[in-house]
Amino acid sequence: MLALARLLVFGFLVLSVIYVCLSLYSRSVRRGKLEKEWDEEVKEGDREAFVRDGLLDYDGSLRRKLILGVYVIPICVVSFIIYATNFW
């Protein structure tokens, strides 16, 4: 039981680090695309406001929610492996 608790704690910590890194990377890529779009197409108004509004739209997007798969997929895989080795 102690081994399972250790696996859960360290797994959660590793997955959290991966989630934060992936989330920051995805957000920076989106910011770069918004800045490039403003430079090439819009060029009217405030650039920072355009980027800020685009990032607010990104915060509610499906892509942002799909990054939570970092937690879901490994937990499902490990659960299946534990089930398969113990009960099949």
C-alpha atoms as a PDB file:
ATOM      1  CA  MET A   1       0.000   0.000   0.000  1.00  0.00           C
ATOM      2  CA  LEU A   2       2.901   2.328   0.718  1.00  0.00           C
ATOM      3  CA  ALA A   3       4.268   1.696  -2.775  1.00  0.00           C
ATOM      4  CA  LEU A   4       0.942   2.720  -4.316  1.00  0.00           C
ATOM      5  CA  ALA A   5       0.870   5.920  -2.259  1.00  0.00           C
ATOM      6  CA  ARG A   6       4.422   6.728  -3.322  1.00  0.00           C
ATOM      7  CA  LEU A   7       3.531   6.057  -6.966  1.00  0.00           C
ATOM      8  CA  LEU A   8       0.502   8.348  -6.739  1.00  0.00           C
ATOM      9  CA  VAL A   9       2.372  11.201  -5.042  1.00  0.00           C
ATOM     10  CA  PHE A  10       5.408  11.148  -7.328  1.00  0.00           C
ATOM     11  CA  GLY A  11       3.261  10.527 -10.384  1.00  0.00           C
ATOM     12  CA  PHE A  12       1.076  13.502  -9.554  1.00  0.00           C
ATOM     13  CA  LEU A  13       4.140  15.713  -9.045  1.00  0.00           C
ATOM     14  CA  VAL A  14       5.719  14.642 -12.340  1.00  0.00           C
ATOM     15  CA  LEU A  15       2.456  15.053 -14.230  1.00  0.00           C
ATOM     16  CA  SER A  16       1.972  18.497 -12.667  1.00  0.00           C
ATOM     17  CA  VAL A  17       5.409  19.636 -13.831  1.00  0.00           C
ATOM     18  CA  ILE A  18       4.701  18.305 -17.331  1.00  0.00           C
ATOM     19  CA  TYR A  19       1.288  20.027 -17.353  1.00  0.00           C
ATOM     20  CA  VAL A  20       2.721  23.394 -16.293  1.00  0.00           C
ATOM     21  CA  CYS A  21       5.526  23.217 -18.868  1.00  0.00           C
ATOM     22  CA  LEU A  22       3.159  22.171 -21.651  1.00  0.00           C
ATOM     23  CA  SER A  23       0.626  24.832 -20.701  1.00  0.00           C
ATOM     24  CA  LEU A  24       3.242  27.606 -20.652  1.00  0.00           C
ATOM     25  CA  TYR A  25       4.677  26.439 -23.967  1.00  0.00           C
ATOM     26  CA  SER A  26       1.256  26.295 -25.630  1.00  0.00           C
ATOM     27  CA  ARG A  27       0.363  29.743 -24.312  1.00  0.00           C
ATOM     28  CA  SER A  28       3.635  31.229 -25.582  1.00  0.00           C
ATOM     29  CA  VAL A  29       3.076  29.703 -29.024  1.00  0.00           C
ATOM     30  CA  ARG A  30      -0.431  31.179 -29.105  1.00  0.00           C
ATOM     31  CA  ARG A  31       0.938  34.576 -28.024  1.00  0.00           C
ATOM     32  CA  GLY A  32       3.491  34.439 -30.841  1.00  0.00           C
ATOM     33  CA  LYS A  33       0.805  33.613 -33.397  1.00  0.00           C
ATOM     34  CA  LEU A  34      -1.366  36.491 -32.171  1.00  0.00           C
ATOM     35  CA  GLU A  35       1.543  38.939 -32.352  1.00  0.00           C
ATOM     36  CA  LYS A  36       2.415  37.731 -35.845  1.00  0.00           C
ATOM     37  CA  GLU A  37      -1.237  38.059 -36.932  1.00  0.00           C
ATOM     38  CA  TRP A  38      -1.390  41.603 -35.618  1.00  0.00           C
ATOM     39  CA  ASP A  39       1.893  42.529 -37.353  1.00  0.00           C
ATOM     40  CA  GLU A  40       0.816  41.093 -40.711  1.00  0.00           C
ATOM     41  CA  GLU A  41      -2.903  41.836 -40.877  1.00  0.00           C
ATOM     42  CA  VAL A  42      -4.426  44.100 -38.235  1.00  0.00           C
ATOM     43  CA  LYS A  43      -1.940  46.931 -37.515  1.00  0.00           C
ATOM     44  CA  GLU A  44      -4.739  49.056 -36.042  1.00  0.00           C
ATOM     45  CA  GLY A  45      -5.345  49.839 -32.405  1.00  0.00           C
ATOM     46  CA  ASP A  46      -3.419  48.562 -29.430  1.00  0.00           C
ATOM     47  CA  ARG A  47      -1.284  45.475 -30.014  1.00  0.00           C
ATOM     48  CA  GLU A  48      -1.242  44.461 -26.349  1.00  0.00           C
ATOM     49  CA  ALA A  49      -5.038  44.673 -26.121  1.00  0.00           C
ATOM     50  CA  PHE A  50      -5.359  42.492 -29.228  1.00  0.00           C
ATOM     51  CA  VAL A  51      -2.993  39.884 -27.780  1.00  0.00           C
ATOM     52  CA  ARG A  52      -4.678  40.035 -24.355  1.00  0.00           C
ATOM     53  CA  ASP A  53      -8.124  39.493 -25.884  1.00  0.00           C
ATOM     54  CA  GLY A  54      -6.803  36.622 -27.992  1.00  0.00           C
ATOM     55  CA  LEU A  55      -5.278  34.968 -24.924  1.00  0.00           C
ATOM     56  CA  LEU A  56      -8.565  35.340 -23.044  1.00  0.00           C
ATOM     57  CA  ASP A  57     -10.265  33.500 -25.907  1.00  0.00           C
ATOM     58  CA  TYR A  58      -7.511  30.870 -25.743  1.00  0.00           C
ATOM     59  CA  ASP A  59      -8.124  30.341 -22.005  1.00  0.00           C
ATOM     60  CA  GLY A  60     -11.626  29.058 -22.765  1.00  0.00           C
ATOM     61  CA  SER A  61     -10.648  27.041 -25.828  1.00  0.00           C
ATOM     62  CA  LEU A  62     -10.740  23.304 -26.384  1.00  0.00           C
ATOM     63  CA  ARG A  63      -6.967  23.152 -26.851  1.00  0.00           C
ATOM     64  CA  ARG A  64      -6.431  24.414 -23.319  1.00  0.00           C
ATOM     65  CA  LYS A  65      -8.771  21.731 -21.978  1.00  0.00           C
ATOM     66  CA  LEU A  66      -7.084  18.996 -24.020  1.00  0.00           C
ATOM     67  CA  ILE A  67      -3.830  19.680 -22.193  1.00  0.00           C
ATOM     68  CA  LEU A  68      -5.529  18.203 -19.112  1.00  0.00           C
ATOM     69  CA  GLY A  69      -5.107  14.889 -20.917  1.00  0.00           C
ATOM     70  CA  VAL A  70      -1.641  14.934 -19.377  1.00  0.00           C
ATOM     71  CA  TYR A  71      -3.358  13.772 -16.187  1.00  0.00           C
ATOM     72  CA  VAL A  72      -6.067  11.549 -17.632  1.00  0.00           C
ATOM     73  CA  ILE A  73      -4.167   9.392 -20.143  1.00  0.00           C
ATOM     74  CA  PRO A  74      -1.298   8.211 -17.886  1.00  0.00           C
ATOM     75  CA  ILE A  75      -3.700   7.459 -15.021  1.00  0.00           C
ATOM     76  CA  CYS A  76      -5.876   5.352 -17.333  1.00  0.00           C
ATOM     77  CA  VAL A  77      -2.873   3.501 -18.750  1.00  0.00           C
ATOM     78  CA  VAL A  78      -1.387   2.746 -15.325  1.00  0.00           C
ATOM     79  CA  SER A  79      -4.784   1.659 -14.003  1.00  0.00           C
ATOM     80  CA  PHE A  80      -5.254  -0.695 -16.942  1.00  0.00           C
ATOM     81  CA  ILE A  81      -1.772  -2.163 -16.502  1.00  0.00           C
ATOM     82  CA  ILE A  82      -2.370  -2.759 -12.793  1.00  0.00           C
ATOM     83  CA  TYR A  83      -5.752  -4.336 -13.515  1.00  0.00           C
ATOM     84  CA  ALA A  84      -4.367  -6.504 -16.325  1.00  0.00           C
ATOM     85  CA  THR A  85      -1.429  -7.811 -14.307  1.00  0.00           C
ATOM     86  CA  ASN A  86      -3.536  -8.615 -11.254  1.00  0.00           C
ATOM     87  CA  PHE A  87      -6.774  -9.967 -12.686  1.00  0.00           C
ATOM     88  CA  TRP A  88      -6.045 -11.427 -16.148  1.00  0.00           C
END
